[in-house]
Each structure stands twice: as C-alpha cells, then as structure tokens.
C-alpha cells in the first residue's frame, strides 16, 4: 500500500478503505480486552500516523512501550511500509461508545 505508483483516484480510495478496514479488524482482535474504541489514520509526506483510541492506553502501550513497538512492527511488515515510515500512537477515550 505504501509504495504505489500512479493509480486512479477511485483505486486509491478503495485501497485506503480496504487498508483502514483491515487495520481496524486487526486492532479490534488484538486490543479487544484493552478497551479498543477505534483508529484514525493520518498520512503525511514523511510518515503515516496511526492513532489508536482506547479506554486503557497503559495496556495498549505495554511495559516501557514494548507492546506499541510490537504493534508498529507488525503493521509495518504486514502492509509493506518502509522502515520508520509508520508510527502508532495511543489516545485515551473515556467511553468506548463515544467514538
């Protein structure tokens, strides 16, 4: 997904939607017990930022940030992002249903 040549706008929107759906499904399964509430993907020219919304961000981050680094590596490898071009953040929400 990250290294694509010229593609039509329609194909790009579909590819972005599929990426978002697959990422959301993966994070739902992985972070279900940590109060996963949703994900936001921000694409910048330098990197792709993925903001994970959850009620228990401490569990998402893990001990000394280990779990978030593991999730970053999995997302990077699974979706073919170049090294250090994807970054995951955890954002706290009070209520899962609010997202």
PDB file of N, CA and C in Angstrom:
ATOM      1  N   UNK A   1       0.810  -1.182   0.000  1.00  0.00           N
ATOM      2  CA  UNK A   1       0.000   0.000   0.000  1.00  0.00           C
ATOM      3  C   UNK A   1       0.865   1.262   0.000  1.00  0.00           C
ATOM      4  N   UNK A   2       1.995   1.240   0.698  1.00  0.00           N
ATOM      5  CA  UNK A   2       2.796   2.438   0.877  1.00  0.00           C
ATOM      6  C   UNK A   2       3.541   2.838  -0.399  1.00  0.00           C
ATOM      7  N   UNK A   3       4.023   1.892  -1.171  1.00  0.00           N
ATOM      8  CA  UNK A   3       4.834   2.228  -2.335  1.00  0.00           C
ATOM      9  C   UNK A   3       4.065   1.930  -3.621  1.00  0.00           C
ATOM     10  N   UNK A   4       3.153   2.823  -3.955  1.00  0.00           N
ATOM     11  CA  UNK A   4       2.349   2.647  -5.155  1.00  0.00           C
ATOM     12  C   UNK A   4       2.688   3.738  -6.154  1.00  0.00           C
ATOM     13  N   UNK A   5       2.714   3.366  -7.430  1.00  0.00           N
ATOM     14  CA  UNK A   5       2.960   4.336  -8.489  1.00  0.00           C
ATOM     15  C   UNK A   5       1.658   5.092  -8.753  1.00  0.00           C
ATOM     16  N   UNK A   6       1.543   5.731  -9.902  1.00  0.00           N
ATOM     17  CA  UNK A   6       0.339   6.476 -10.253  1.00  0.00           C
ATOM     18  C   UNK A   6      -0.848   5.530 -10.374  1.00  0.00           C
ATOM     19  N   UNK A   7      -1.872   5.768  -9.556  1.00  0.00           N
ATOM     20  CA  UNK A   7      -3.102   4.998  -9.665  1.00  0.00           C
ATOM     21  C   UNK A   7      -4.273   5.965  -9.672  1.00  0.00           C
ATOM     22  N   UNK A   8      -5.389   5.514 -10.180  1.00  0.00           N
ATOM     23  CA  UNK A   8      -6.549   6.394 -10.278  1.00  0.00           C
ATOM     24  C   UNK A   8      -7.071   6.739  -8.884  1.00  0.00           C
ATOM     25  N   UNK A   9      -7.795   7.833  -8.802  1.00  0.00           N
ATOM     26  CA  UNK A   9      -8.363   8.266  -7.532  1.00  0.00           C
ATOM     27  C   UNK A   9      -9.311   7.215  -6.969  1.00  0.00           C
ATOM     28  N   UNK A  10     -10.079   6.598  -7.850  1.00  0.00           N
ATOM     29  CA  UNK A  10     -11.027   5.572  -7.420  1.00  0.00           C
ATOM     30  C   UNK A  10     -10.293   4.400  -6.774  1.00  0.00           C
ATOM     31  N   UNK A  11      -9.232   3.928  -7.433  1.00  0.00           N
ATOM     32  CA  UNK A  11      -8.458   2.811  -6.878  1.00  0.00           C
ATOM     33  C   UNK A  11      -7.804   3.198  -5.558  1.00  0.00           C
ATOM     34  N   UNK A  12      -7.326   4.433  -5.451  1.00  0.00           N
ATOM     35  CA  UNK A  12      -6.686   4.883  -4.215  1.00  0.00           C
ATOM     36  C   UNK A  12      -7.688   4.907  -3.065  1.00  0.00           C
ATOM     37  N   UNK A  13      -8.893   5.432  -3.314  1.00  0.00           N
ATOM     38  CA  UNK A  13      -9.908   5.466  -2.266  1.00  0.00           C
ATOM     39  C   UNK A  13     -10.284   4.059  -1.818  1.00  0.00           C
ATOM     40  N   UNK A  14     -10.412   3.148  -2.777  1.00  0.00           N
ATOM     41  CA  UNK A  14     -10.745   1.763  -2.443  1.00  0.00           C
ATOM     42  C   UNK A  14      -9.601   1.130  -1.646  1.00  0.00           C
ATOM     43  N   UNK A  15      -8.356   1.336  -2.105  1.00  0.00           N
ATOM     44  CA  UNK A  15      -7.194   0.774  -1.396  1.00  0.00           C
ATOM     45  C   UNK A  15      -7.093   1.336   0.016  1.00  0.00           C
ATOM     46  N   UNK A  16      -7.327   2.644   0.179  1.00  0.00           N
ATOM     47  CA  UNK A  16      -7.287   3.254   1.507  1.00  0.00           C
ATOM     48  C   UNK A  16      -8.381   2.690   2.405  1.00  0.00           C
ATOM     49  N   UNK A  17      -9.572   2.494   1.849  1.00  0.00           N
ATOM     50  CA  UNK A  17     -10.686   1.934   2.611  1.00  0.00           C
ATOM     51  C   UNK A  17     -10.414   0.510   3.050  1.00  0.00           C
ATOM     52  N   UNK A  18      -9.847  -0.295   2.154  1.00  0.00           N
ATOM     53  CA  UNK A  18      -9.512  -1.681   2.489  1.00  0.00           C
ATOM     54  C   UNK A  18      -8.429  -1.704   3.572  1.00  0.00           C
ATOM     55  N   UNK A  19      -7.422  -0.845   3.443  1.00  0.00           N
ATOM     56  CA  UNK A  19      -6.367  -0.747   4.456  1.00  0.00           C
ATOM     57  C   UNK A  19      -6.959  -0.402   5.813  1.00  0.00           C
ATOM     58  N   UNK A  20      -7.842   0.612   5.841  1.00  0.00           N
ATOM     59  CA  UNK A  20      -8.464   1.037   7.094  1.00  0.00           C
ATOM     60  C   UNK A  20      -9.291  -0.103   7.696  1.00  0.00           C
ATOM     61  N   UNK A  21     -10.077  -0.788   6.867  1.00  0.00           N
ATOM     62  CA  UNK A  21     -10.928  -1.876   7.358  1.00  0.00           C
ATOM     63  C   UNK A  21     -10.092  -3.024   7.920  1.00  0.00           C
ATOM     64  N   UNK A  22      -9.032  -3.406   7.197  1.00  0.00           N
ATOM     65  CA  UNK A  22      -8.170  -4.492   7.672  1.00  0.00           C
ATOM     66  C   UNK A  22      -7.450  -4.105   8.956  1.00  0.00           C
ATOM     67  N   UNK A  23      -6.959  -2.861   9.015  1.00  0.00           N
ATOM     68  CA  UNK A  23      -6.263  -2.378  10.210  1.00  0.00           C
ATOM     69  C   UNK A  23      -7.211  -2.354  11.410  1.00  0.00           C
ATOM     70  N   UNK A  24      -8.424  -1.855  11.196  1.00  0.00           N
ATOM     71  CA  UNK A  24      -9.426  -1.787  12.253  1.00  0.00           C
ATOM     72  C   UNK A  24      -9.762  -3.189  12.765  1.00  0.00           C
ATOM     73  N   UNK A  25      -9.950  -4.125  11.858  1.00  0.00           N
ATOM     74  CA  UNK A  25     -10.250  -5.511  12.234  1.00  0.00           C
ATOM     75  C   UNK A  25      -9.098  -6.125  13.045  1.00  0.00           C
ATOM     76  N   UNK A  26      -7.872  -5.918  12.572  1.00  0.00           N
ATOM     77  CA  UNK A  26      -6.683  -6.434  13.275  1.00  0.00           C
ATOM     78  C   UNK A  26      -6.594  -5.863  14.686  1.00  0.00           C
ATOM     79  N   UNK A  27      -6.774  -4.537  14.806  1.00  0.00           N
ATOM     80  CA  UNK A  27      -6.664  -3.898  16.118  1.00  0.00           C
ATOM     81  C   UNK A  27      -7.818  -4.300  17.029  1.00  0.00           C
ATOM     82  N   UNK A  28      -9.014  -4.497  16.472  1.00  0.00           N
ATOM     83  CA  UNK A  28     -10.150  -4.958  17.280  1.00  0.00           C
ATOM     84  C   UNK A  28      -9.843  -6.307  17.902  1.00  0.00           C
ATOM     85  N   UNK A  29      -9.287  -7.217  17.102  1.00  0.00           N
ATOM     86  CA  UNK A  29      -8.972  -8.549  17.614  1.00  0.00           C
ATOM     87  C   UNK A  29      -7.831  -8.504  18.631  1.00  0.00           C
ATOM     88  N   UNK A  30      -6.833  -7.683  18.355  1.00  0.00           N
ATOM     89  CA  UNK A  30      -5.648  -7.638  19.207  1.00  0.00           C
ATOM     90  C   UNK A  30      -5.900  -6.902  20.518  1.00  0.00           C
ATOM     91  N   UNK A  31      -6.654  -5.810  20.457  1.00  0.00           N
ATOM     92  CA  UNK A  31      -6.807  -4.937  21.627  1.00  0.00           C
ATOM     93  C   UNK A  31      -8.210  -4.971  22.226  1.00  0.00           C
ATOM     94  N   UNK A  32      -8.947  -6.042  22.012  1.00  0.00           N
ATOM     95  CA  UNK A  32     -10.327  -6.120  22.492  1.00  0.00           C
ATOM     96  C   UNK A  32     -10.425  -5.937  24.008  1.00  0.00           C
ATOM     97  N   UNK A  33      -9.544  -6.585  24.755  1.00  0.00           N
ATOM     98  CA  UNK A  33      -9.619  -6.513  26.219  1.00  0.00           C
ATOM     99  C   UNK A  33      -9.046  -5.213  26.779  1.00  0.00           C
ATOM    100  N   UNK A  34      -8.452  -4.388  25.927  1.00  0.00           N
ATOM    101  CA  UNK A  34      -7.873  -3.121  26.385  1.00  0.00           C
ATOM    102  C   UNK A  34      -8.782  -1.934  26.103  1.00  0.00           C
ATOM    103  N   UNK A  35     -10.031  -2.190  25.779  1.00  0.00           N
ATOM    104  CA  UNK A  35     -10.987  -1.115  25.556  1.00  0.00           C
ATOM    105  C   UNK A  35     -10.789  -0.411  24.235  1.00  0.00           C
ATOM    106  N   UNK A  36     -10.454  -1.157  23.186  1.00  0.00           N
ATOM    107  CA  UNK A  36     -10.257  -0.570  21.859  1.00  0.00           C
ATOM    108  C   UNK A  36     -11.541   0.121  21.406  1.00  0.00           C
ATOM    109  N   UNK A  37     -11.424   1.389  20.976  1.00  0.00           N
ATOM    110  CA  UNK A  37     -12.600   2.169  20.578  1.00  0.00           C
ATOM    111  C   UNK A  37     -12.562   2.602  19.122  1.00  0.00           C
ATOM    112  N   UNK A  38     -11.415   2.566  18.486  1.00  0.00           N
ATOM    113  CA  UNK A  38     -11.348   2.987  17.093  1.00  0.00           C
ATOM    114  C   UNK A  38      -9.933   3.358  16.703  1.00  0.00           C
ATOM    115  N   UNK A  39      -9.780   3.707  15.426  1.00  0.00           N
ATOM    116  CA  UNK A  39      -8.465   4.050  14.895  1.00  0.00           C
ATOM    117  C   UNK A  39      -8.619   5.219  13.924  1.00  0.00           C
ATOM    118  N   UNK A  40      -7.602   6.037  13.868  1.00  0.00           N
ATOM    119  CA  UNK A  40      -7.557   7.146  12.911  1.00  0.00           C
ATOM    120  C   UNK A  40      -6.217   7.059  12.185  1.00  0.00           C
ATOM    121  N   UNK A  41      -6.256   7.184  10.869  1.00  0.00           N
ATOM    122  CA  UNK A  41      -5.041   7.103  10.056  1.00  0.00           C
ATOM    123  C   UNK A  41      -4.791   8.475   9.443  1.00  0.00           C
ATOM    124  N   UNK A  42      -3.613   9.014   9.706  1.00  0.00           N
ATOM    125  CA  UNK A  42      -3.200  10.298   9.123  1.00  0.00           C
ATOM    126  C   UNK A  42      -1.975  10.046   8.255  1.00  0.00           C
ATOM    127  N   UNK A  43      -2.090  10.399   6.989  1.00  0.00           N
ATOM    128  CA  UNK A  43      -0.972  10.202   6.070  1.00  0.00           C
ATOM    129  C   UNK A  43      -0.312  11.557   5.827  1.00  0.00           C
ATOM    130  N   UNK A  44       0.984  11.636   6.144  1.00  0.00           N
ATOM    131  CA  UNK A  44       1.769  12.837   5.886  1.00  0.00           C
ATOM    132  C   UNK A  44       2.834  12.461   4.856  1.00  0.00           C
ATOM    133  N   UNK A  45       3.463  13.444   4.216  1.00  0.00           N
ATOM    134  CA  UNK A  45       4.502  13.122   3.234  1.00  0.00           C
ATOM    135  C   UNK A  45       5.676  12.328   3.821  1.00  0.00           C
ATOM    136  N   UNK A  46       5.971  12.546   5.096  1.00  0.00           N
ATOM    137  CA  UNK A  46       7.115  11.891   5.715  1.00  0.00           C
ATOM    138  C   UNK A  46       6.749  10.512   6.245  1.00  0.00           C
ATOM    139  N   UNK A  47       5.612  10.409   6.938  1.00  0.00           N
ATOM    140  CA  UNK A  47       5.226   9.132   7.540  1.00  0.00           C
ATOM    141  C   UNK A  47       3.709   9.017   7.659  1.00  0.00           C
ATOM    142  N   UNK A  48       3.280   7.815   8.017  1.00  0.00           N
ATOM    143  CA  UNK A  48       1.873   7.534   8.269  1.00  0.00           C
ATOM    144  C   UNK A  48       1.685   7.406   9.772  1.00  0.00           C
ATOM    145  N   UNK A  49       0.766   8.191  10.315  1.00  0.00           N
ATOM    146  CA  UNK A  49       0.496   8.161  11.747  1.00  0.00           C
ATOM    147  C   UNK A  49      -0.817   7.426  11.976  1.00  0.00           C
ATOM    148  N   UNK A  50      -0.783   6.457  12.869  1.00  0.00           N
ATOM    149  CA  UNK A  50      -1.965   5.683  13.206  1.00  0.00           C
ATOM    150  C   UNK A  50      -2.271   5.935  14.676  1.00  0.00           C
ATOM    151  N   UNK A  51      -3.429   6.545  14.946  1.00  0.00           N
ATOM    152  CA  UNK A  51      -3.824   6.869  16.309  1.00  0.00           C
ATOM    153  C   UNK A  51      -4.852   5.841  16.766  1.00  0.00           C
ATOM    154  N   UNK A  52      -4.502   5.091  17.797  1.00  0.00           N
ATOM    155  CA  UNK A  52      -5.378   4.069  18.357  1.00  0.00           C
ATOM    156  C   UNK A  52      -6.121   4.682  19.536  1.00  0.00           C
ATOM    157  N   UNK A  53      -7.453   4.625  19.491  1.00  0.00           N
ATOM    158  CA  UNK A  53      -8.260   5.133  20.596  1.00  0.00           C
ATOM    159  C   UNK A  53      -8.676   3.964  21.480  1.00  0.00           C
ATOM    160  N   UNK A  54      -8.414   4.094  22.772  1.00  0.00           N
ATOM    161  CA  UNK A  54      -8.744   3.022  23.716  1.00  0.00           C
ATOM    162  C   UNK A  54      -9.013   3.613  25.093  1.00  0.00           C
ATOM    163  N   UNK A  55      -9.746   2.853  25.900  1.00  0.00           N
ATOM    164  CA  UNK A  55     -10.033   3.324  27.256  1.00  0.00           C
ATOM    165  C   UNK A  55      -8.867   3.062  28.199  1.00  0.00           C
ATOM    166  N   UNK A  56      -8.081   2.023  27.919  1.00  0.00           N
ATOM    167  CA  UNK A  56      -6.927   1.699  28.767  1.00  0.00           C
ATOM    168  C   UNK A  56      -5.642   1.795  27.941  1.00  0.00           C
ATOM    169  N   UNK A  57      -5.144   3.008  27.798  1.00  0.00           N
ATOM    170  CA  UNK A  57      -3.963   3.226  26.958  1.00  0.00           C
ATOM    171  C   UNK A  57      -2.705   2.617  27.560  1.00  0.00           C
ATOM    172  N   UNK A  58      -2.662   2.476  28.872  1.00  0.00           N
ATOM    173  CA  UNK A  58      -1.473   1.905  29.511  1.00  0.00           C
ATOM    174  C   UNK A  58      -1.248   0.471  29.032  1.00  0.00           C
ATOM    175  N   UNK A  59      -2.329  -0.291  28.876  1.00  0.00           N
ATOM    176  CA  UNK A  59      -2.211  -1.667  28.385  1.00  0.00           C
ATOM    177  C   UNK A  59      -1.845  -1.694  26.899  1.00  0.00           C
ATOM    178  N   UNK A  60      -2.347  -0.715  26.139  1.00  0.00           N
ATOM    179  CA  UNK A  60      -2.016  -0.638  24.706  1.00  0.00           C
ATOM    180  C   UNK A  60      -0.529  -0.349  24.542  1.00  0.00           C
ATOM    181  N   UNK A  61       0.003   0.551  25.360  1.00  0.00           N
ATOM    182  CA  UNK A  61       1.418   0.905  25.271  1.00  0.00           C
ATOM    183  C   UNK A  61       2.312  -0.230  25.759  1.00  0.00           C
ATOM    184  N   UNK A  62       1.862  -0.928  26.781  1.00  0.00           N
ATOM    185  CA  UNK A  62       2.657  -2.020  27.327  1.00  0.00           C
ATOM    186  C   UNK A  62       3.758  -1.516  28.239  1.00  0.00           C
ATOM    187  N   UNK A  63       4.499  -2.477  28.780  1.00  0.00           N
ATOM    188  CA  UNK A  63       5.579  -2.132  29.702  1.00  0.00           C
ATOM    189  C   UNK A  63       6.722  -1.471  28.945  1.00  0.00           C
ATOM    190  N   UNK A  64       7.043  -0.239  29.322  1.00  0.00           N
ATOM    191  CA  UNK A  64       8.099   0.570  28.681  1.00  0.00           C
ATOM    192  C   UNK A  64       7.871   0.737  27.180  1.00  0.00           C
ATOM    193  N   UNK A  65       6.595   0.758  26.764  1.00  0.00           N
ATOM    194  CA  UNK A  65       6.269   0.969  25.353  1.00  0.00           C
ATOM    195  C   UNK A  65       6.518  -0.227  24.458  1.00  0.00           C
ATOM    196  N   UNK A  66       6.694  -1.390  25.053  1.00  0.00           N
ATOM    197  CA  UNK A  66       7.042  -2.583  24.271  1.00  0.00           C
ATOM    198  C   UNK A  66       5.912  -3.012  23.334  1.00  0.00           C
ATOM    199  N   UNK A  67       4.688  -3.025  23.841  1.00  0.00           N
ATOM    200  CA  UNK A  67       3.571  -3.522  23.033  1.00  0.00           C
ATOM    201  C   UNK A  67       3.285  -2.622  21.833  1.00  0.00           C
ATOM    202  N   UNK A  68       3.356  -1.311  22.014  1.00  0.00           N
ATOM    203  CA  UNK A  68       3.102  -0.396  20.900  1.00  0.00           C
ATOM    204  C   UNK A  68       4.193  -0.541  19.841  1.00  0.00           C
ATOM    205  N   UNK A  69       5.433  -0.814  20.254  1.00  0.00           N
ATOM    206  CA  UNK A  69       6.519  -1.054  19.294  1.00  0.00           C
ATOM    207  C   UNK A  69       6.284  -2.350  18.530  1.00  0.00           C
ATOM    208  N   UNK A  70       5.792  -3.380  19.235  1.00  0.00           N
ATOM    209  CA  UNK A  70       5.472  -4.640  18.574  1.00  0.00           C
ATOM    210  C   UNK A  70       4.360  -4.449  17.553  1.00  0.00           C
ATOM    211  N   UNK A  71       3.306  -3.721  17.939  1.00  0.00           N
ATOM    212  CA  UNK A  71       2.201  -3.438  17.014  1.00  0.00           C
ATOM    213  C   UNK A  71       2.692  -2.649  15.809  1.00  0.00           C
ATOM    214  N   UNK A  72       3.584  -1.688  16.044  1.00  0.00           N
ATOM    215  CA  UNK A  72       4.149  -0.898  14.941  1.00  0.00           C
ATOM    216  C   UNK A  72       4.895  -1.803  13.971  1.00  0.00           C
ATOM    217  N   UNK A  73       5.695  -2.713  14.499  1.00  0.00           N
ATOM    218  CA  UNK A  73       6.455  -3.629  13.640  1.00  0.00           C
ATOM    219  C   UNK A  73       5.529  -4.539  12.841  1.00  0.00           C
ATOM    220  N   UNK A  74       4.474  -5.035  13.470  1.00  0.00           N
ATOM    221  CA  UNK A  74       3.522  -5.916  12.779  1.00  0.00           C
ATOM    222  C   UNK A  74       2.817  -5.169  11.655  1.00  0.00           C
ATOM    223  N   UNK A  75       2.337  -3.960  11.933  1.00  0.00           N
ATOM    224  CA  UNK A  75       1.642  -3.155  10.915  1.00  0.00           C
ATOM    225  C   UNK A  75       2.600  -2.823   9.777  1.00  0.00           C
ATOM    226  N   UNK A  76       3.814  -2.445  10.122  1.00  0.00           N
ATOM    227  CA  UNK A  76       4.822  -2.087   9.126  1.00  0.00           C
ATOM    228  C   UNK A  76       5.112  -3.255   8.193  1.00  0.00           C
ATOM    229  N   UNK A  77       5.267  -4.442   8.770  1.00  0.00           N
ATOM    230  CA  UNK A  77       5.590  -5.615   7.969  1.00  0.00           C
ATOM    231  C   UNK A  77       4.382  -6.090   7.159  1.00  0.00           C
ATOM    232  N   UNK A  78       3.215  -6.120   7.788  1.00  0.00           N
ATOM    233  CA  UNK A  78       2.007  -6.640   7.135  1.00  0.00           C
ATOM    234  C   UNK A  78       1.587  -5.797   5.934  1.00  0.00           C
ATOM    235  N   UNK A  79       1.702  -4.489   6.028  1.00  0.00           N
ATOM    236  CA  UNK A  79       1.225  -3.600   4.969  1.00  0.00           C
ATOM    237  C   UNK A  79       2.340  -3.039   4.097  1.00  0.00           C
ATOM    238  N   UNK A  80       3.558  -3.502   4.285  1.00  0.00           N
ATOM    239  CA  UNK A  80       4.666  -3.145   3.404  1.00  0.00           C
ATOM    240  C   UNK A  80       5.142  -1.710   3.493  1.00  0.00           C
ATOM    241  N   UNK A  81       5.099  -1.139   4.683  1.00  0.00           N
ATOM    242  CA  UNK A  81       5.622   0.215   4.861  1.00  0.00           C
ATOM    243  C   UNK A  81       7.137   0.164   4.960  1.00  0.00           C
ATOM    244  N   UNK A  82       7.842   1.161   4.407  1.00  0.00           N
ATOM    245  CA  UNK A  82       9.299   1.215   4.591  1.00  0.00           C
ATOM    246  C   UNK A  82       9.658   1.419   6.068  1.00  0.00           C
ATOM    247  N   UNK A  83      10.884   1.114   6.413  1.00  0.00           N
ATOM    248  CA  UNK A  83      11.366   1.241   7.793  1.00  0.00           C
ATOM    249  C   UNK A  83      11.156   2.659   8.313  1.00  0.00           C
ATOM    250  N   UNK A  84      10.644   2.786   9.522  1.00  0.00           N
ATOM    251  CA  UNK A  84      10.427   4.068  10.216  1.00  0.00           C
ATOM    252  C   UNK A  84       9.483   5.021   9.486  1.00  0.00           C
ATOM    253  N   UNK A  85       8.568   4.501   8.673  1.00  0.00           N
ATOM    254  CA  UNK A  85       7.634   5.388   7.980  1.00  0.00           C
ATOM    255  C   UNK A  85       6.227   5.304   8.561  1.00  0.00           C
ATOM    256  N   UNK A  86       6.026   4.434   9.533  1.00  0.00           N
ATOM    257  CA  UNK A  86       4.725   4.332  10.195  1.00  0.00           C
ATOM    258  C   UNK A  86       4.929   4.487  11.690  1.00  0.00           C
ATOM    259  N   UNK A  87       4.008   5.220  12.331  1.00  0.00           N
ATOM    260  CA  UNK A  87       4.125   5.475  13.767  1.00  0.00           C
ATOM    261  C   UNK A  87       2.762   5.289  14.411  1.00  0.00           C
ATOM    262  N   UNK A  88       2.710   4.546  15.498  1.00  0.00           N
ATOM    263  CA  UNK A  88       1.463   4.315  16.217  1.00  0.00           C
ATOM    264  C   UNK A  88       1.438   5.138  17.494  1.00  0.00           C
ATOM    265  N   UNK A  89       0.261   5.702  17.775  1.00  0.00           N
ATOM    266  CA  UNK A  89       0.041   6.475  18.995  1.00  0.00           C
ATOM    267  C   UNK A  89      -1.190   5.923  19.687  1.00  0.00           C
ATOM    268  N   UNK A  90      -1.265   6.087  20.994  1.00  0.00           N
ATOM    269  CA  UNK A  90      -2.439   5.674  21.759  1.00  0.00           C
ATOM    270  C   UNK A  90      -3.093   6.922  22.340  1.00  0.00           C
ATOM    271  N   UNK A  91      -4.397   7.023  22.137  1.00  0.00           N
ATOM    272  CA  UNK A  91      -5.163   8.159  22.645  1.00  0.00           C
ATOM    273  C   UNK A  91      -6.240   7.623  23.575  1.00  0.00           C
ATOM    274  N   UNK A  92      -6.366   8.248  24.725  1.00  0.00           N
ATOM    275  CA  UNK A  92      -7.325   7.764  25.719  1.00  0.00           C
ATOM    276  C   UNK A  92      -8.710   8.351  25.442  1.00  0.00           C
ATOM    277  N   UNK A  93      -9.717   7.494  25.542  1.00  0.00           N
ATOM    278  CA  UNK A  93     -11.118   7.940  25.496  1.00  0.00           C
ATOM    279  C   UNK A  93     -11.799   7.486  26.782  1.00  0.00           C
ATOM    280  N   UNK A  94     -12.757   8.275  27.240  1.00  0.00           N
ATOM    281  CA  UNK A  94     -13.455   7.944  28.479  1.00  0.00           C
ATOM    282  C   UNK A  94     -14.431   6.796  28.267  1.00  0.00           C
ATOM    283  N   UNK A  95     -15.159   6.845  27.153  1.00  0.00           N
ATOM    284  CA  UNK A  95     -16.214   5.877  26.910  1.00  0.00           C
ATOM    285  C   UNK A  95     -16.044   5.280  25.522  1.00  0.00           C
ATOM    286  N   UNK A  96     -15.981   3.970  25.418  1.00  0.00           N
ATOM    287  CA  UNK A  96     -15.778   3.303  24.129  1.00  0.00           C
ATOM    288  C   UNK A  96     -16.856   3.659  23.119  1.00  0.00           C
ATOM    289  N   UNK A  97     -18.086   3.819  23.566  1.00  0.00           N
ATOM    290  CA  UNK A  97     -19.207   4.073  22.675  1.00  0.00           C
ATOM    291  C   UNK A  97     -19.198   5.496  22.107  1.00  0.00           C
ATOM    292  N   UNK A  98     -18.383   6.361  22.673  1.00  0.00           N
ATOM    293  CA  UNK A  98     -18.366   7.758  22.238  1.00  0.00           C
ATOM    294  C   UNK A  98     -17.684   7.954  20.895  1.00  0.00           C
ATOM    295  N   UNK A  99     -16.928   6.982  20.412  1.00  0.00           N
ATOM    296  CA  UNK A  99     -16.207   7.124  19.147  1.00  0.00           C
ATOM    297  C   UNK A  99     -17.039   6.682  17.969  1.00  0.00           C
TER     298      UNK A  99
END
